[in-house]
Amino acid sequence: MSYTNAYTAYKQTGVKTASQGKLIVMLYEEAVRQLGNALSYFGTNNKVDPGNIEKLNNCIIKTQEILTELMISLDMDKGGEIAKNLMALYVFFNKELLDANVNRNKTKIESVHRMMDELAKAWVTAVESTAPVAQPVSRPNIDING
């Protein structure tokens, strides 16, 4: 098995065995990464080189696909006000990214990037604080004296 295939299998196993909270964190982290990539295509004059327009577009679209997954994952019945607020944020992010993609607006991408990064950090904290605490494994005493 090649290195690439092994790495892909490793990543797939990580996704398949992750908790729901960890999956949400993974989605946020990938969205933040994609937006960081999108920002890297802007030059010092805040313009995108024509050769990078498609790359920028792909990064924004991937982020929008992640936002769609986050929307689908919301349980509006059990989530109450938090789910409603997250949905409103995701809709806002999508609109901002749509406009940023059409107009190549770096400021809007930076704004969504910053907010998604803050949300990712909040989710990491939430997942870590609600993760079950590992209990020590009980092992029988071993008498080495015979």
Protein backbone atom coordinates (compact mmCIF):
# COMPACT_ATOMS: atom_id res chain seq x y z
CA MET A 1 0.00 0.00 0.00
CA SER A 2 1.43 3.36 -0.96
CA TYR A 3 1.90 6.21 1.49
CA THR A 4 -0.99 8.16 -0.06
CA ASN A 5 -3.38 5.21 0.22
CA ALA A 6 -2.30 4.55 3.81
CA TYR A 7 -2.81 8.19 4.76
CA THR A 8 -6.23 8.28 3.10
CA ALA A 9 -7.26 5.10 4.95
CA TYR A 10 -6.00 6.60 8.22
CA LYS A 11 -8.02 9.79 7.68
CA GLN A 12 -11.16 7.82 6.77
CA THR A 13 -10.82 5.70 9.90
CA GLY A 14 -10.43 8.88 11.97
CA VAL A 15 -13.64 10.28 10.53
CA LYS A 16 -15.58 7.03 10.89
CA THR A 17 -14.60 6.58 14.53
CA ALA A 18 -14.87 10.21 15.67
CA SER A 19 -17.55 11.36 18.07
CA GLN A 20 -20.22 13.75 16.82
CA GLY A 21 -18.53 16.65 18.60
CA LYS A 22 -15.17 15.78 17.08
CA LEU A 23 -16.75 15.61 13.62
CA ILE A 24 -18.13 19.12 14.07
CA VAL A 25 -14.66 20.31 15.12
CA MET A 26 -13.15 18.62 12.06
CA LEU A 27 -15.65 20.39 9.79
CA TYR A 28 -14.88 23.77 11.35
CA GLU A 29 -11.14 23.20 11.13
CA GLU A 30 -11.39 22.28 7.46
CA ALA A 31 -13.55 25.35 6.74
CA VAL A 32 -10.99 27.57 8.47
CA ARG A 33 -8.22 25.90 6.47
CA GLN A 34 -10.08 26.39 3.18
CA LEU A 35 -10.72 30.06 3.93
CA GLY A 36 -7.05 30.49 4.83
CA ASN A 37 -6.16 28.98 1.47
CA ALA A 38 -8.63 31.33 -0.24
CA LEU A 39 -7.01 34.33 1.43
CA SER A 40 -3.59 33.19 0.23
CA TYR A 41 -4.68 33.78 -3.38
CA PHE A 42 -5.00 37.52 -2.82
CA GLY A 43 -1.96 39.59 -3.74
CA THR A 44 -0.62 42.58 -1.87
CA ASN A 45 -3.02 44.81 -3.79
CA ASN A 46 -6.00 42.70 -2.56
CA LYS A 47 -6.50 41.44 -6.10
CA VAL A 48 -6.55 37.84 -7.27
CA ASP A 49 -4.26 36.83 -10.09
CA PRO A 50 -6.41 35.54 -12.98
CA GLY A 51 -4.63 32.18 -12.73
CA ASN A 52 -5.83 31.78 -9.14
CA ILE A 53 -9.49 32.69 -9.58
CA GLU A 54 -10.57 29.07 -9.99
CA LYS A 55 -8.52 28.02 -6.94
CA LEU A 56 -10.11 30.78 -4.88
CA ASN A 57 -13.55 29.73 -6.11
CA ASN A 58 -12.89 26.08 -5.18
CA CYS A 59 -11.84 27.01 -1.63
CA ILE A 60 -14.95 29.10 -1.10
CA ILE A 61 -17.23 26.43 -2.55
CA LYS A 62 -15.66 23.77 -0.30
CA THR A 63 -16.31 26.03 2.68
CA GLN A 64 -19.92 26.52 1.60
CA GLU A 65 -20.32 22.74 1.31
CA ILE A 66 -19.01 22.41 4.87
CA LEU A 67 -21.48 25.05 6.02
CA THR A 68 -24.25 23.02 4.39
CA GLU A 69 -23.12 19.95 6.35
CA LEU A 70 -23.11 21.99 9.55
CA MET A 71 -26.64 23.20 8.79
CA ILE A 72 -27.85 19.67 8.19
CA SER A 73 -26.29 18.50 11.45
CA LEU A 74 -28.33 20.96 13.53
CA ASP A 75 -31.16 19.45 15.54
CA MET A 76 -33.61 22.33 15.52
CA ASP A 77 -36.00 20.54 17.92
CA LYS A 78 -33.49 19.69 20.62
CA GLY A 79 -31.05 22.54 19.94
CA GLY A 80 -33.43 25.33 20.83
CA GLU A 81 -32.08 28.86 20.70
CA ILE A 82 -28.48 27.74 20.13
CA ALA A 83 -29.43 25.78 17.00
CA LYS A 84 -31.45 28.73 15.69
CA ASN A 85 -28.53 31.10 16.26
CA LEU A 86 -26.06 28.73 14.61
CA MET A 87 -28.37 28.34 11.61
CA ALA A 88 -28.61 32.12 11.29
CA LEU A 89 -24.80 32.36 11.42
CA TYR A 90 -24.34 29.64 8.81
CA VAL A 91 -26.83 31.36 6.48
CA PHE A 92 -25.01 34.67 7.02
CA PHE A 93 -21.63 33.03 6.34
CA ASN A 94 -22.96 31.48 3.13
CA LYS A 95 -24.30 34.83 1.90
CA GLU A 96 -21.04 36.58 2.72
CA LEU A 97 -19.02 33.90 0.95
CA LEU A 98 -21.29 34.00 -2.10
CA ASP A 99 -20.78 37.76 -2.36
CA ALA A 100 -17.04 37.41 -1.66
CA ASN A 101 -16.73 34.82 -4.40
CA VAL A 102 -18.60 36.85 -7.00
CA ASN A 103 -16.82 40.11 -6.18
CA ARG A 104 -13.51 38.63 -4.95
CA ASN A 105 -13.93 40.50 -1.69
CA LYS A 106 -11.03 39.69 0.64
CA THR A 107 -12.54 41.59 3.58
CA LYS A 108 -15.64 39.38 3.66
CA ILE A 109 -13.55 36.21 3.49
CA GLU A 110 -11.37 37.49 6.33
CA SER A 111 -14.44 38.25 8.41
CA VAL A 112 -15.98 34.79 7.93
CA HIS A 113 -12.57 33.19 8.47
CA ARG A 114 -12.13 35.00 11.79
CA MET A 115 -15.62 34.12 13.04
CA MET A 116 -15.35 30.47 11.98
CA ASP A 117 -11.97 30.21 13.68
CA GLU A 118 -13.51 31.54 16.91
CA LEU A 119 -16.38 29.07 16.62
CA ALA A 120 -13.93 26.22 15.97
CA LYS A 121 -12.05 27.09 19.16
CA ALA A 122 -15.32 27.23 21.11
CA TRP A 123 -16.29 23.80 19.77
CA VAL A 124 -12.90 22.37 20.72
CA THR A 125 -13.42 23.65 24.28
CA ALA A 126 -16.95 22.28 24.40
CA VAL A 127 -15.91 18.85 23.10
CA GLU A 128 -12.99 18.65 25.51
CA SER A 129 -15.12 19.67 28.49
CA THR A 130 -17.84 17.12 27.71
CA ALA A 131 -15.58 14.23 26.72
CA PRO A 132 -15.93 11.27 29.05
CA VAL A 133 -13.11 11.05 31.53
CA ALA A 134 -11.12 7.89 31.05
CA GLN A 135 -11.33 5.65 34.09
CA PRO A 136 -8.20 3.84 35.20
CA VAL A 137 -8.18 0.21 34.19
CA SER A 138 -8.39 -2.12 37.14
CA ARG A 139 -5.58 -4.64 37.06
CA PRO A 140 -5.11 -7.52 39.46
CA ASN A 141 -2.23 -7.19 41.87
CA ILE A 142 0.76 -9.20 40.88
CA ASP A 143 2.79 -10.81 43.62
CA ILE A 144 6.33 -10.96 42.36
CA ASN A 145 7.51 -12.70 45.56
CA GLY A 146 6.04 -15.97 44.48
